[in-house]
Amino acid sequence: MDKTMQWETDRLDIRFARYDDIKLIMQWENDPQNRDFVWQGTWEEHIKEINHPDYALLIFSDKASHTTIGYSLIWINRHSNWAELRRLVVSEKGKGYGKEALSAVMEFLFRVIKVNKVWLDVYPINRVAIQLYEGIGMKRDGVLRENFYSDTLGYLDQIVYSILKSEFDNREVTK
């Protein structure tokens, strides 16, 4: 995977993360709006993700303001030809950046990396994310009951969603 690659959407510039992005990524992970929904990585874990060929740590910037507004972490399983979307965080909530970023990530994974499936897990309390995932055509595969323990929320289920390349190619996106 060419980690010097950059691309864009209508409103976003997208690139692979660099070491100087880690501080901001960790701030987003610890933000009260995000911390119950995303895993908080360590500095060392983020360095590994930047350097490892099977991880894509992507940065999203607003094209108009040149402000960094989010990131995504993806693990690519090349043997089984799927990708796990581990994190998608945008700091500018309610403006459609999440949907635009997720669509760009899916395009990248299906068209450039050429995976057959993208999957993720989400907590049932994260209704905004669930609506986003279902809106781009992801299907609910099942529930891992009380699979994660949160210090603030107790035991949480994790809902597994996925989308196959064929489904992505033939989807009708919810507006």
N, C-alpha and C. Protein backbone atom coordinates (compact mmCIF):
# COMPACT_ATOMS: atom_id res chain seq x y z
N MET A 1 0.85 -1.17 0.00
CA MET A 1 0.00 0.00 0.00
C MET A 1 0.90 1.23 0.00
N ASP A 2 0.61 2.13 -0.90
CA ASP A 2 1.39 3.36 -1.04
C ASP A 2 0.91 4.39 -0.03
N LYS A 3 1.65 4.55 1.05
CA LYS A 3 1.22 5.45 2.12
C LYS A 3 1.58 6.91 1.84
N THR A 4 2.07 7.20 0.64
CA THR A 4 2.25 8.60 0.23
C THR A 4 1.04 9.08 -0.57
N MET A 5 0.15 8.16 -0.87
CA MET A 5 -1.04 8.45 -1.67
C MET A 5 -1.93 9.48 -0.97
N GLN A 6 -2.52 10.37 -1.77
CA GLN A 6 -3.49 11.35 -1.28
C GLN A 6 -4.64 11.39 -2.27
N TRP A 7 -5.83 11.68 -1.77
CA TRP A 7 -6.97 11.83 -2.67
C TRP A 7 -7.97 12.77 -2.03
N GLU A 8 -9.07 13.03 -2.74
CA GLU A 8 -10.02 14.03 -2.26
C GLU A 8 -11.45 13.63 -2.59
N THR A 9 -12.37 14.27 -1.87
CA THR A 9 -13.79 14.19 -2.15
C THR A 9 -14.23 15.62 -2.44
N ASP A 10 -15.52 15.86 -2.48
CA ASP A 10 -15.99 17.22 -2.72
C ASP A 10 -15.47 18.21 -1.69
N ARG A 11 -15.46 17.79 -0.41
CA ARG A 11 -15.07 18.72 0.66
C ARG A 11 -13.85 18.31 1.46
N LEU A 12 -13.33 17.10 1.21
CA LEU A 12 -12.25 16.58 2.04
C LEU A 12 -10.99 16.27 1.26
N ASP A 13 -9.84 16.56 1.87
CA ASP A 13 -8.56 16.03 1.43
C ASP A 13 -8.24 14.86 2.35
N ILE A 14 -7.74 13.76 1.77
CA ILE A 14 -7.48 12.55 2.55
C ILE A 14 -6.04 12.11 2.30
N ARG A 15 -5.36 11.76 3.38
CA ARG A 15 -3.98 11.28 3.29
C ARG A 15 -3.72 10.31 4.42
N PHE A 16 -2.61 9.61 4.33
CA PHE A 16 -2.18 8.72 5.41
C PHE A 16 -1.58 9.56 6.54
N ALA A 17 -1.77 9.10 7.75
CA ALA A 17 -1.28 9.82 8.93
C ALA A 17 0.24 9.80 8.99
N ARG A 18 0.77 10.84 9.64
CA ARG A 18 2.19 10.96 9.93
C ARG A 18 2.35 11.03 11.45
N TYR A 19 3.58 10.93 11.90
CA TYR A 19 3.84 10.97 13.35
C TYR A 19 3.29 12.24 14.00
N ASP A 20 3.38 13.36 13.28
CA ASP A 20 2.92 14.62 13.88
C ASP A 20 1.39 14.72 13.98
N ASP A 21 0.66 13.72 13.48
CA ASP A 21 -0.80 13.67 13.62
C ASP A 21 -1.23 12.96 14.90
N ILE A 22 -0.33 12.22 15.52
CA ILE A 22 -0.72 11.35 16.64
C ILE A 22 -1.31 12.14 17.81
N LYS A 23 -0.74 13.28 18.13
CA LYS A 23 -1.24 14.07 19.26
C LYS A 23 -2.71 14.44 19.05
N LEU A 24 -3.05 14.89 17.85
CA LEU A 24 -4.43 15.27 17.54
C LEU A 24 -5.36 14.05 17.55
N ILE A 25 -4.89 12.94 17.00
CA ILE A 25 -5.68 11.70 17.02
C ILE A 25 -6.02 11.32 18.47
N MET A 26 -5.02 11.39 19.33
CA MET A 26 -5.25 11.02 20.74
C MET A 26 -6.19 12.02 21.43
N GLN A 27 -6.15 13.29 21.03
CA GLN A 27 -7.10 14.27 21.57
C GLN A 27 -8.53 13.90 21.17
N TRP A 28 -8.72 13.53 19.91
CA TRP A 28 -10.06 13.14 19.45
C TRP A 28 -10.55 11.89 20.18
N GLU A 29 -9.65 10.93 20.37
CA GLU A 29 -10.04 9.69 21.05
C GLU A 29 -10.47 9.96 22.49
N ASN A 30 -9.88 10.95 23.13
CA ASN A 30 -10.19 11.26 24.52
C ASN A 30 -11.24 12.35 24.69
N ASP A 31 -11.72 12.90 23.59
CA ASP A 31 -12.77 13.92 23.64
C ASP A 31 -14.04 13.31 24.24
N PRO A 32 -14.72 14.02 25.14
CA PRO A 32 -15.94 13.48 25.75
C PRO A 32 -17.01 13.06 24.73
N GLN A 33 -17.03 13.70 23.56
CA GLN A 33 -18.00 13.31 22.52
C GLN A 33 -17.66 11.97 21.88
N ASN A 34 -16.41 11.53 22.00
CA ASN A 34 -15.95 10.34 21.29
C ASN A 34 -15.56 9.18 22.20
N ARG A 35 -15.08 9.46 23.38
CA ARG A 35 -14.36 8.44 24.16
C ARG A 35 -15.18 7.22 24.55
N ASP A 36 -16.51 7.35 24.63
CA ASP A 36 -17.32 6.17 24.91
C ASP A 36 -17.54 5.30 23.68
N PHE A 37 -17.14 5.80 22.51
CA PHE A 37 -17.41 5.09 21.26
C PHE A 37 -16.17 4.55 20.57
N VAL A 38 -15.00 5.07 20.91
CA VAL A 38 -13.77 4.62 20.24
C VAL A 38 -12.72 4.22 21.27
N TRP A 39 -11.90 3.28 20.89
CA TRP A 39 -10.79 2.83 21.71
C TRP A 39 -9.74 3.92 21.76
N GLN A 40 -9.13 4.11 22.93
CA GLN A 40 -8.06 5.10 23.05
C GLN A 40 -6.72 4.39 22.86
N GLY A 41 -6.08 4.69 21.75
CA GLY A 41 -4.79 4.09 21.45
C GLY A 41 -3.65 4.81 22.16
N THR A 42 -2.56 4.10 22.36
CA THR A 42 -1.36 4.71 22.94
C THR A 42 -0.52 5.31 21.80
N TRP A 43 0.45 6.12 22.20
CA TRP A 43 1.39 6.70 21.23
C TRP A 43 2.07 5.58 20.43
N GLU A 44 2.52 4.56 21.14
CA GLU A 44 3.23 3.44 20.51
C GLU A 44 2.32 2.67 19.55
N GLU A 45 1.06 2.47 19.93
CA GLU A 45 0.11 1.79 19.03
C GLU A 45 -0.10 2.57 17.75
N HIS A 46 -0.20 3.89 17.87
CA HIS A 46 -0.40 4.71 16.67
C HIS A 46 0.84 4.71 15.78
N ILE A 47 2.01 4.69 16.36
CA ILE A 47 3.24 4.57 15.56
C ILE A 47 3.23 3.26 14.79
N LYS A 48 2.85 2.17 15.46
CA LYS A 48 2.76 0.87 14.80
C LYS A 48 1.77 0.92 13.64
N GLU A 49 0.61 1.56 13.86
CA GLU A 49 -0.42 1.65 12.81
C GLU A 49 0.09 2.44 11.61
N ILE A 50 0.84 3.48 11.86
CA ILE A 50 1.40 4.28 10.76
C ILE A 50 2.41 3.46 9.96
N ASN A 51 3.22 2.67 10.64
CA ASN A 51 4.31 1.93 9.99
C ASN A 51 3.91 0.58 9.42
N HIS A 52 2.88 -0.05 9.95
CA HIS A 52 2.53 -1.42 9.57
C HIS A 52 1.83 -1.45 8.21
N PRO A 53 2.25 -2.36 7.32
CA PRO A 53 1.65 -2.40 5.97
C PRO A 53 0.19 -2.84 5.94
N ASP A 54 -0.31 -3.46 7.01
CA ASP A 54 -1.70 -3.91 7.02
C ASP A 54 -2.64 -2.96 7.74
N TYR A 55 -2.14 -1.79 8.13
CA TYR A 55 -2.99 -0.77 8.73
C TYR A 55 -3.01 0.47 7.85
N ALA A 56 -4.18 1.09 7.78
CA ALA A 56 -4.31 2.38 7.12
C ALA A 56 -4.87 3.35 8.16
N LEU A 57 -4.05 4.29 8.57
CA LEU A 57 -4.48 5.35 9.48
C LEU A 57 -4.59 6.60 8.62
N LEU A 58 -5.83 7.02 8.37
CA LEU A 58 -6.11 8.09 7.41
C LEU A 58 -6.50 9.37 8.13
N ILE A 59 -6.14 10.49 7.54
CA ILE A 59 -6.45 11.81 8.07
C ILE A 59 -7.36 12.54 7.08
N PHE A 60 -8.42 13.17 7.61
CA PHE A 60 -9.36 13.94 6.80
C PHE A 60 -9.20 15.42 7.12
N SER A 61 -9.07 16.24 6.07
CA SER A 61 -8.98 17.69 6.24
C SER A 61 -10.04 18.38 5.40
N ASP A 62 -10.59 19.45 5.93
CA ASP A 62 -11.54 20.26 5.19
C ASP A 62 -10.79 21.01 4.10
N LYS A 63 -11.23 20.85 2.85
CA LYS A 63 -10.52 21.48 1.73
C LYS A 63 -10.58 23.00 1.79
N ALA A 64 -11.70 23.54 2.22
CA ALA A 64 -11.86 24.99 2.22
C ALA A 64 -11.00 25.67 3.28
N SER A 65 -10.99 25.10 4.49
CA SER A 65 -10.27 25.75 5.60
C SER A 65 -8.88 25.15 5.84
N HIS A 66 -8.60 24.01 5.20
CA HIS A 66 -7.34 23.27 5.42
C HIS A 66 -7.18 22.82 6.87
N THR A 67 -8.30 22.66 7.57
CA THR A 67 -8.31 22.22 8.96
C THR A 67 -8.45 20.71 9.01
N THR A 68 -7.63 20.05 9.82
CA THR A 68 -7.76 18.61 10.02
C THR A 68 -8.99 18.37 10.87
N ILE A 69 -9.92 17.53 10.35
CA ILE A 69 -11.21 17.37 11.05
C ILE A 69 -11.51 15.93 11.46
N GLY A 70 -10.63 14.98 11.14
CA GLY A 70 -10.94 13.62 11.56
C GLY A 70 -9.92 12.61 11.09
N TYR A 71 -10.21 11.36 11.47
CA TYR A 71 -9.31 10.28 11.08
C TYR A 71 -10.08 8.97 11.04
N SER A 72 -9.46 7.98 10.42
CA SER A 72 -10.01 6.63 10.36
C SER A 72 -8.86 5.64 10.52
N LEU A 73 -9.13 4.55 11.21
CA LEU A 73 -8.17 3.47 11.37
C LEU A 73 -8.76 2.20 10.77
N ILE A 74 -8.02 1.58 9.88
CA ILE A 74 -8.47 0.38 9.17
C ILE A 74 -7.41 -0.69 9.29
N TRP A 75 -7.84 -1.91 9.56
CA TRP A 75 -6.95 -3.07 9.53
C TRP A 75 -7.34 -3.90 8.32
N ILE A 76 -6.36 -4.25 7.50
CA ILE A 76 -6.60 -5.00 6.27
C ILE A 76 -6.05 -6.41 6.43
N ASN A 77 -6.93 -7.39 6.27
CA ASN A 77 -6.55 -8.80 6.32
C ASN A 77 -6.40 -9.26 4.88
N ARG A 78 -5.18 -9.31 4.41
CA ARG A 78 -4.91 -9.61 3.00
C ARG A 78 -5.18 -11.08 2.67
N HIS A 79 -4.99 -11.99 3.62
CA HIS A 79 -5.23 -13.41 3.36
C HIS A 79 -6.71 -13.67 3.07
N SER A 80 -7.59 -13.11 3.90
CA SER A 80 -9.02 -13.33 3.72
C SER A 80 -9.69 -12.22 2.92
N ASN A 81 -8.92 -11.19 2.56
CA ASN A 81 -9.37 -10.12 1.67
C ASN A 81 -10.54 -9.31 2.24
N TRP A 82 -10.44 -8.96 3.52
CA TRP A 82 -11.41 -8.06 4.12
C TRP A 82 -10.69 -6.96 4.89
N ALA A 83 -11.45 -5.93 5.21
CA ALA A 83 -10.92 -4.83 6.01
C ALA A 83 -11.86 -4.57 7.18
N GLU A 84 -11.27 -4.32 8.34
CA GLU A 84 -12.04 -3.95 9.52
C GLU A 84 -11.89 -2.45 9.74
N LEU A 85 -13.00 -1.75 9.73
CA LEU A 85 -13.00 -0.33 10.05
C LEU A 85 -13.01 -0.22 11.57
N ARG A 86 -11.86 0.10 12.13
CA ARG A 86 -11.72 0.13 13.59
C ARG A 86 -12.15 1.45 14.20
N ARG A 87 -11.92 2.54 13.50
CA ARG A 87 -12.31 3.85 14.01
C ARG A 87 -12.62 4.79 12.86
N LEU A 88 -13.61 5.63 13.09
CA LEU A 88 -13.92 6.75 12.20
C LEU A 88 -14.40 7.88 13.11
N VAL A 89 -13.62 8.94 13.17
CA VAL A 89 -13.93 10.06 14.04
C VAL A 89 -13.85 11.34 13.23
N VAL A 90 -14.89 12.17 13.35
CA VAL A 90 -14.83 13.52 12.79
C VAL A 90 -15.14 14.50 13.91
N SER A 91 -14.39 15.58 13.94
CA SER A 91 -14.59 16.57 15.00
C SER A 91 -15.74 17.51 14.68
N GLU A 92 -16.05 17.67 13.41
CA GLU A 92 -17.14 18.55 12.98
C GLU A 92 -18.40 17.71 12.84
N LYS A 93 -19.18 17.62 13.90
CA LYS A 93 -20.36 16.76 13.92
C LYS A 93 -21.56 17.45 13.26
N GLY A 94 -22.42 16.63 12.64
CA GLY A 94 -23.68 17.13 12.10
C GLY A 94 -23.58 17.89 10.79
N LYS A 95 -22.46 17.80 10.10
CA LYS A 95 -22.27 18.54 8.85
C LYS A 95 -22.10 17.63 7.65
N GLY A 96 -22.26 16.32 7.84
CA GLY A 96 -22.14 15.37 6.74
C GLY A 96 -20.72 14.92 6.46
N TYR A 97 -19.76 15.37 7.25
CA TYR A 97 -18.38 14.95 7.03
C TYR A 97 -18.18 13.46 7.29
N GLY A 98 -18.89 12.92 8.27
CA GLY A 98 -18.76 11.50 8.58
C GLY A 98 -19.18 10.63 7.41
N LYS A 99 -20.31 10.97 6.80
CA LYS A 99 -20.80 10.21 5.65
C LYS A 99 -19.83 10.33 4.47
N GLU A 100 -19.34 11.54 4.24
CA GLU A 100 -18.41 11.77 3.14
C GLU A 100 -17.10 11.02 3.38
N ALA A 101 -16.61 11.05 4.61
CA ALA A 101 -15.37 10.34 4.95
C ALA A 101 -15.56 8.83 4.82
N LEU A 102 -16.68 8.31 5.34
CA LEU A 102 -16.94 6.88 5.27
C LEU A 102 -17.07 6.42 3.83
N SER A 103 -17.76 7.17 3.01
CA SER A 103 -17.88 6.81 1.59
C SER A 103 -16.52 6.78 0.91
N ALA A 104 -15.67 7.75 1.24
CA ALA A 104 -14.32 7.79 0.66
C ALA A 104 -13.49 6.60 1.12
N VAL A 105 -13.62 6.23 2.39
CA VAL A 105 -12.90 5.07 2.91
C VAL A 105 -13.35 3.81 2.18
N MET A 106 -14.66 3.66 1.99
CA MET A 106 -15.19 2.48 1.29
C MET A 106 -14.69 2.43 -0.15
N GLU A 107 -14.73 3.55 -0.83
CA GLU A 107 -14.21 3.61 -2.20
C GLU A 107 -12.74 3.19 -2.23
N PHE A 108 -11.95 3.70 -1.32
CA PHE A 108 -10.53 3.35 -1.22
C PHE A 108 -10.36 1.85 -1.00
N LEU A 109 -11.10 1.29 -0.06
CA LEU A 109 -10.93 -0.13 0.27
C LEU A 109 -11.39 -1.04 -0.86
N PHE A 110 -12.52 -0.72 -1.49
CA PHE A 110 -13.04 -1.58 -2.55
C PHE A 110 -12.35 -1.35 -3.90
N ARG A 111 -11.97 -0.12 -4.21
CA ARG A 111 -11.43 0.19 -5.55
C ARG A 111 -9.90 0.15 -5.60
N VAL A 112 -9.24 0.59 -4.53
CA VAL A 112 -7.78 0.65 -4.53
C VAL A 112 -7.18 -0.60 -3.88
N ILE A 113 -7.59 -0.89 -2.68
CA ILE A 113 -7.06 -2.06 -1.97
C ILE A 113 -7.69 -3.35 -2.50
N LYS A 114 -8.91 -3.24 -3.02
CA LYS A 114 -9.64 -4.34 -3.66
C LYS A 114 -10.02 -5.46 -2.68
N VAL A 115 -10.51 -5.05 -1.50
CA VAL A 115 -11.03 -6.05 -0.57
C VAL A 115 -12.40 -6.51 -1.04
N ASN A 116 -12.83 -7.65 -0.54
CA ASN A 116 -14.16 -8.18 -0.87
C ASN A 116 -15.20 -7.76 0.16
N LYS A 117 -14.75 -7.41 1.37
CA LYS A 117 -15.70 -7.09 2.44
C LYS A 117 -15.09 -6.08 3.39
N VAL A 118 -15.93 -5.19 3.90
CA VAL A 118 -15.55 -4.28 4.98
C VAL A 118 -16.52 -4.54 6.13
N TRP A 119 -15.95 -4.68 7.33
CA TRP A 119 -16.79 -4.90 8.50
C TRP A 119 -16.35 -4.02 9.65
N LEU A 120 -17.21 -3.92 10.66
CA LEU A 120 -16.92 -3.11 11.84
C LEU A 120 -17.82 -3.57 12.97
N ASP A 121 -17.53 -3.07 14.16
CA ASP A 121 -18.47 -3.25 15.27
C ASP A 121 -18.77 -1.89 15.87
N VAL A 122 -19.96 -1.78 16.44
CA VAL A 122 -20.44 -0.51 16.98
C VAL A 122 -21.28 -0.81 18.22
N TYR A 123 -21.22 0.09 19.19
CA TYR A 123 -22.03 -0.06 20.39
C TYR A 123 -23.46 0.40 20.09
N PRO A 124 -24.47 -0.27 20.64
CA PRO A 124 -25.86 0.10 20.38
C PRO A 124 -26.20 1.54 20.78
N ILE A 125 -25.46 2.11 21.72
CA ILE A 125 -25.72 3.49 22.15
C ILE A 125 -25.26 4.51 21.11
N ASN A 126 -24.47 4.09 20.13
CA ASN A 126 -23.95 5.00 19.11
C ASN A 126 -24.91 5.04 17.92
N ARG A 127 -26.08 5.61 18.15
CA ARG A 127 -27.14 5.60 17.14
C ARG A 127 -26.78 6.40 15.88
N VAL A 128 -26.03 7.46 16.05
CA VAL A 128 -25.61 8.26 14.88
C VAL A 128 -24.76 7.40 13.95
N ALA A 129 -23.82 6.65 14.50
CA ALA A 129 -22.96 5.79 13.68
C ALA A 129 -23.78 4.68 13.02
N ILE A 130 -24.69 4.08 13.77
CA ILE A 130 -25.52 3.00 13.21
C ILE A 130 -26.32 3.52 12.02
N GLN A 131 -26.90 4.70 12.16
CA GLN A 131 -27.64 5.31 11.05
C GLN A 131 -26.72 5.56 9.85
N LEU A 132 -25.51 6.01 10.11
CA LEU A 132 -24.53 6.25 9.05
C LEU A 132 -24.19 4.95 8.33
N TYR A 133 -23.89 3.89 9.07
CA TYR A 133 -23.50 2.61 8.47
C TYR A 133 -24.64 2.01 7.66
N GLU A 134 -25.84 2.03 8.22
CA GLU A 134 -26.99 1.50 7.48
C GLU A 134 -27.30 2.36 6.26
N GLY A 135 -27.07 3.67 6.38
CA GLY A 135 -27.33 4.59 5.28
C GLY A 135 -26.45 4.38 4.06
N ILE A 136 -25.25 3.80 4.26
CA ILE A 136 -24.40 3.53 3.10
C ILE A 136 -24.53 2.08 2.62
N GLY A 137 -25.46 1.34 3.25
CA GLY A 137 -25.75 -0.01 2.76
C GLY A 137 -25.17 -1.15 3.56
N MET A 138 -24.57 -0.86 4.71
CA MET A 138 -24.03 -1.95 5.53
C MET A 138 -25.17 -2.76 6.14
N LYS A 139 -24.93 -4.05 6.31
CA LYS A 139 -25.91 -4.98 6.87
C LYS A 139 -25.49 -5.38 8.28
N ARG A 140 -26.48 -5.54 9.14
CA ARG A 140 -26.24 -6.00 10.51
C ARG A 140 -26.03 -7.51 10.48
N ASP A 141 -24.83 -7.95 10.88
CA ASP A 141 -24.50 -9.38 10.86
C ASP A 141 -24.86 -10.08 12.15
N GLY A 142 -24.81 -9.38 13.27
CA GLY A 142 -25.11 -10.01 14.54
C GLY A 142 -24.67 -9.15 15.71
N VAL A 143 -24.84 -9.70 16.91
CA VAL A 143 -24.51 -8.98 18.13
C VAL A 143 -23.59 -9.83 18.99
N LEU A 144 -22.50 -9.23 19.44
CA LEU A 144 -21.62 -9.84 20.43
C LEU A 144 -22.11 -9.31 21.78
N ARG A 145 -22.84 -10.13 22.51
CA ARG A 145 -23.51 -9.67 23.73
C ARG A 145 -22.53 -9.41 24.86
N GLU A 146 -22.68 -8.24 25.49
CA GLU A 146 -21.84 -7.82 26.61
C GLU A 146 -20.37 -8.16 26.37
N ASN A 147 -19.90 -7.76 25.21
CA ASN A 147 -18.56 -8.13 24.76
C ASN A 147 -17.47 -7.16 25.19
N PHE A 148 -17.85 -5.96 25.60
CA PHE A 148 -16.86 -4.95 25.97
C PHE A 148 -17.27 -4.32 27.30
N TYR A 149 -16.28 -4.13 28.17
CA TYR A 149 -16.55 -3.48 29.45
C TYR A 149 -16.03 -2.05 29.42
N SER A 150 -16.92 -1.10 29.68
CA SER A 150 -16.57 0.31 29.76
C SER A 150 -16.61 0.74 31.22
N ASP A 151 -15.59 1.46 31.66
CA ASP A 151 -15.56 1.95 33.04
C ASP A 151 -16.74 2.87 33.34
N THR A 152 -17.22 3.57 32.34
CA THR A 152 -18.32 4.52 32.56
C THR A 152 -19.69 3.93 32.25
N LEU A 153 -19.77 2.95 31.36
CA LEU A 153 -21.06 2.44 30.91
C LEU A 153 -21.33 0.99 31.27
N GLY A 154 -20.34 0.29 31.84
CA GLY A 154 -20.52 -1.12 32.16
C GLY A 154 -20.35 -2.00 30.93
N TYR A 155 -20.98 -3.16 30.95
CA TYR A 155 -20.87 -4.09 29.83
C TYR A 155 -21.71 -3.60 28.65
N LEU A 156 -21.11 -3.64 27.48
CA LEU A 156 -21.78 -3.19 26.26
C LEU A 156 -21.79 -4.30 25.22
N ASP A 157 -22.92 -4.40 24.52
CA ASP A 157 -22.97 -5.26 23.33
C ASP A 157 -22.17 -4.58 22.23
N GLN A 158 -21.74 -5.36 21.26
CA GLN A 158 -21.13 -4.83 20.04
C GLN A 158 -21.92 -5.40 18.87
N ILE A 159 -22.47 -4.51 18.05
CA ILE A 159 -23.20 -4.93 16.87
C ILE A 159 -22.21 -4.98 15.72
N VAL A 160 -22.20 -6.09 14.99
CA VAL A 160 -21.30 -6.27 13.85
C VAL A 160 -22.06 -5.93 12.57
N TYR A 161 -21.47 -5.05 11.78
CA TYR A 161 -22.00 -4.67 10.47
C TYR A 161 -20.97 -4.99 9.41
N SER A 162 -21.44 -5.28 8.19
CA SER A 162 -20.52 -5.48 7.08
C SER A 162 -21.19 -5.10 5.77
N ILE A 163 -20.36 -4.94 4.77
CA ILE A 163 -20.83 -4.73 3.40
C ILE A 163 -19.85 -5.44 2.47
N LEU A 164 -20.39 -6.18 1.52
CA LEU A 164 -19.58 -6.86 0.51
C LEU A 164 -19.36 -5.93 -0.67
N LYS A 165 -18.32 -6.19 -1.44
CA LYS A 165 -18.05 -5.36 -2.61
C LYS A 165 -19.25 -5.34 -3.55
N SER A 166 -19.85 -6.51 -3.78
CA SER A 166 -21.01 -6.58 -4.68
C SER A 166 -22.17 -5.73 -4.15
N GLU A 167 -22.37 -5.71 -2.84
CA GLU A 167 -23.42 -4.89 -2.24
C GLU A 167 -23.08 -3.40 -2.36
N PHE A 168 -21.82 -3.07 -2.16
CA PHE A 168 -21.39 -1.68 -2.27
C PHE A 168 -21.58 -1.17 -3.70
N ASP A 169 -21.23 -2.02 -4.66
CA ASP A 169 -21.37 -1.63 -6.07
C ASP A 169 -22.83 -1.41 -6.46
N ASN A 170 -23.75 -2.14 -5.83
CA ASN A 170 -25.16 -2.10 -6.22
C ASN A 170 -26.06 -1.38 -5.21
N ARG A 171 -25.47 -0.67 -4.27
CA ARG A 171 -26.26 -0.07 -3.19
C ARG A 171 -27.01 1.17 -3.66
N GLU A 172 -28.06 1.45 -2.90
CA GLU A 172 -28.77 2.71 -3.01
C GLU A 172 -28.50 3.45 -1.72
N VAL A 173 -27.82 4.56 -1.81
CA VAL A 173 -27.40 5.31 -0.62
C VAL A 173 -28.58 6.12 -0.09
N THR A 174 -28.81 6.03 1.21
CA THR A 174 -29.85 6.82 1.87
C THR A 174 -29.39 8.26 1.96
N LYS A 175 -30.23 9.16 1.59
CA LYS A 175 -29.90 10.59 1.65
C LYS A 175 -29.99 11.12 3.05
